[in-house]
Amino acid sequence: MSELLNLERSGERSLRVAGEIDRWNADRLRAAIRAVFDGSTNATLDMTAVTFIDSFGIDAIVSAVRYLDGSGLLTLRPSHQVAQMLEPAGLMHSHRDLSLRVQLPPSSLDGPGAAHRFSLIVDGSYRAIHRSEVLSRRSRALIVEARAERAMARLLLVDSKRR
């Protein structure tokens, strides 16, 4: 697997990581993060372009955060794939012992037009519920009809046997 590390230093120190992070290159990530931190600064780790990460990559992030030892803050911007690995590792929420802040990318329901998109979703849900209620009523009506026809057939059968 391959990975590209790109150090971008601006007002805050930041490291942009792209590609795949696995056991073969996690040490390079760990070293790059430590170089950006210099041990006592806040830094941003932009992983929005990471397409794969395994437990070795997660360990590289955690060891870099522990390297800070409370003297700085790592702001992590994960891709969807990274966020999926952070959740089971328990890193999506802040911890007292880790100087880590996770910033998830905005969802499609954030920003301009969000209320309109949300109302479309809600309207679609109401329509689906209404359709299911209509289908449920139709099903109940068909069941009642079937029972009535069956009862009528029984009466006719009993009547024909009497004759």
Protein backbone atom coordinates (compact mmCIF):
# COMPACT_ATOMS: atom_id res chain seq x y z
CA MET A 1 0.00 0.00 0.00
CA SER A 2 1.16 3.53 -0.61
CA GLU A 3 0.77 6.82 1.17
CA LEU A 4 1.79 10.42 0.54
CA LEU A 5 2.67 12.67 3.44
CA ASN A 6 2.56 16.36 2.75
CA LEU A 7 3.61 18.81 5.48
CA GLU A 8 1.78 22.09 5.18
CA ARG A 9 2.79 24.64 7.80
CA SER A 10 0.61 27.69 8.18
CA GLY A 11 -0.64 29.70 11.20
CA GLU A 12 -1.17 26.47 13.04
CA ARG A 13 1.02 23.54 12.18
CA SER A 14 -0.75 21.08 9.97
CA LEU A 15 -0.03 17.81 8.26
CA ARG A 16 -2.06 16.66 5.31
CA VAL A 17 -2.11 12.89 4.82
CA ALA A 18 -3.38 11.26 1.64
CA GLY A 19 -3.53 7.67 0.44
CA GLU A 20 -3.42 4.46 2.44
CA ILE A 21 -2.00 3.99 5.92
CA ASP A 22 -1.12 0.48 7.01
CA ARG A 23 1.50 -1.43 8.99
CA TRP A 24 4.14 -0.76 6.33
CA ASN A 25 4.04 3.03 6.53
CA ALA A 26 2.49 3.85 9.93
CA ASP A 27 5.96 4.62 11.34
CA ARG A 28 6.44 7.28 8.66
CA LEU A 29 3.12 8.85 9.70
CA ARG A 30 4.11 8.73 13.38
CA ALA A 31 7.46 10.43 12.63
CA ALA A 32 5.82 13.09 10.45
CA ILE A 33 3.25 13.94 13.14
CA ARG A 34 5.97 14.27 15.77
CA ALA A 35 8.00 16.52 13.48
CA VAL A 36 5.00 18.84 13.03
CA PHE A 37 4.33 18.98 16.77
CA ASP A 38 7.86 19.75 17.95
CA GLY A 39 6.59 18.41 21.26
CA SER A 40 4.78 21.49 22.52
CA THR A 41 2.47 22.96 19.90
CA ASN A 42 -1.05 22.55 18.63
CA ALA A 43 -1.35 20.89 15.25
CA THR A 44 -3.92 19.84 12.70
CA LEU A 45 -3.90 16.43 11.07
CA ASP A 46 -5.93 16.58 7.85
CA MET A 47 -6.80 13.02 6.88
CA THR A 48 -9.72 13.86 4.59
CA ALA A 49 -7.86 12.30 1.63
CA VAL A 50 -7.02 9.02 3.40
CA THR A 51 -8.63 6.12 1.56
CA PHE A 52 -7.56 3.31 3.92
CA ILE A 53 -6.30 3.06 7.48
CA ASP A 54 -5.75 0.03 9.68
CA SER A 55 -5.02 -0.40 13.38
CA PHE A 56 -1.36 0.49 12.84
CA GLY A 57 -2.42 3.88 11.50
CA ILE A 58 -4.78 4.43 14.44
CA ASP A 59 -1.91 3.51 16.78
CA ALA A 60 0.29 6.10 15.06
CA ILE A 61 -2.33 8.78 15.78
CA VAL A 62 -2.75 7.72 19.42
CA SER A 63 1.01 7.54 20.04
CA ALA A 64 1.44 11.02 18.53
CA VAL A 65 -1.28 12.36 20.81
CA ARG A 66 0.32 10.69 23.82
CA TYR A 67 3.63 12.26 22.73
CA LEU A 68 2.02 15.64 23.37
CA ASP A 69 1.41 14.63 26.99
CA GLY A 70 -1.05 17.47 27.52
CA SER A 71 1.27 20.17 26.15
CA GLY A 72 -0.66 20.65 22.91
CA LEU A 73 -3.80 19.68 21.04
CA LEU A 74 -4.11 17.56 17.91
CA THR A 75 -7.10 18.49 15.77
CA LEU A 76 -7.97 15.56 13.52
CA ARG A 77 -10.03 15.96 10.35
CA PRO A 78 -10.81 12.39 9.30
CA SER A 79 -12.09 10.97 6.03
CA HIS A 80 -15.09 8.67 6.16
CA GLN A 81 -12.78 5.64 6.24
CA VAL A 82 -10.72 7.06 9.11
CA ALA A 83 -13.85 8.00 11.08
CA GLN A 84 -15.13 4.43 10.69
CA MET A 85 -11.94 3.16 12.34
CA LEU A 86 -11.92 5.83 15.07
CA GLU A 87 -15.42 4.96 16.29
CA PRO A 88 -14.73 1.37 17.42
CA ALA A 89 -11.38 2.52 18.84
CA GLY A 90 -13.33 4.94 21.06
CA LEU A 91 -11.56 8.04 19.72
CA MET A 92 -14.51 9.94 18.27
CA HIS A 93 -15.27 11.59 21.62
CA SER A 94 -12.94 13.64 23.79
CA HIS A 95 -10.98 11.96 26.56
CA ARG A 96 -9.32 13.45 29.61
CA ASP A 97 -6.11 11.50 28.96
CA LEU A 98 -5.85 12.33 25.23
CA SER A 99 -5.27 15.80 23.76
CA LEU A 100 -7.32 14.97 20.67
CA ARG A 101 -10.19 16.84 19.03
CA VAL A 102 -11.98 15.22 16.09
CA GLN A 103 -13.65 17.51 13.56
CA LEU A 104 -16.01 15.60 11.32
CA PRO A 105 -16.67 17.01 7.86
CA PRO A 106 -19.97 18.86 7.51
CA SER A 107 -22.82 16.69 6.38
CA SER A 108 -25.02 17.44 3.40
CA LEU A 109 -27.61 18.74 5.87
CA ASP A 110 -25.32 21.59 7.01
CA GLY A 111 -24.95 24.98 5.35
CA PRO A 112 -27.09 26.90 2.86
CA GLY A 113 -30.23 25.10 1.80
CA ALA A 114 -30.00 22.61 4.66
CA ALA A 115 -33.51 23.36 5.91
CA HIS A 116 -34.92 22.78 2.42
CA ARG A 117 -33.04 19.46 2.02
CA PHE A 118 -34.16 18.38 5.48
CA SER A 119 -37.80 19.27 4.72
CA LEU A 120 -37.60 17.19 1.52
CA ILE A 121 -36.36 14.22 3.54
CA VAL A 122 -39.14 14.65 6.11
CA ASP A 123 -41.79 15.05 3.37
CA GLY A 124 -40.54 11.90 1.66
CA SER A 125 -40.76 10.03 4.95
CA TYR A 126 -44.34 11.21 5.54
CA ARG A 127 -45.32 10.13 2.02
CA ALA A 128 -43.80 6.69 2.59
CA ILE A 129 -45.66 6.35 5.89
CA HIS A 130 -48.92 7.44 4.23
CA ARG A 131 -48.43 4.90 1.41
CA SER A 132 -47.80 2.15 3.94
CA GLU A 133 -50.94 3.14 5.87
CA VAL A 134 -52.98 3.05 2.64
CA LEU A 135 -51.56 -0.37 1.78
CA SER A 136 -52.30 -1.57 5.30
CA ARG A 137 -55.94 -0.42 5.05
CA ARG A 138 -56.29 -2.10 1.64
CA SER A 139 -54.82 -5.32 3.04
CA ARG A 140 -57.25 -5.28 5.96
CA ALA A 141 -60.18 -4.69 3.58
CA LEU A 142 -59.08 -7.62 1.39
CA ILE A 143 -58.79 -9.85 4.45
CA VAL A 144 -62.31 -8.89 5.56
CA GLU A 145 -63.61 -9.61 2.03
CA ALA A 146 -61.83 -12.96 1.92
CA ARG A 147 -63.29 -13.96 5.29
CA ALA A 148 -66.77 -12.91 4.16
CA GLU A 149 -66.43 -14.92 0.93
CA ARG A 150 -65.18 -17.94 2.87
CA ALA A 151 -68.13 -17.67 5.29
CA MET A 152 -70.51 -17.39 2.33
CA ALA A 153 -68.93 -20.45 0.68
CA ARG A 154 -69.37 -22.44 3.91
CA LEU A 155 -73.05 -21.44 4.12
CA LEU A 156 -73.59 -22.47 0.51
CA LEU A 157 -71.80 -25.77 1.12
CA VAL A 158 -73.90 -26.48 4.23
CA ASP A 159 -77.08 -25.49 2.37
CA SER A 160 -76.24 -27.75 -0.58
CA LYS A 161 -75.62 -30.71 1.77
CA ARG A 162 -79.02 -30.20 3.39
CA ARG A 163 -80.83 -30.53 0.09
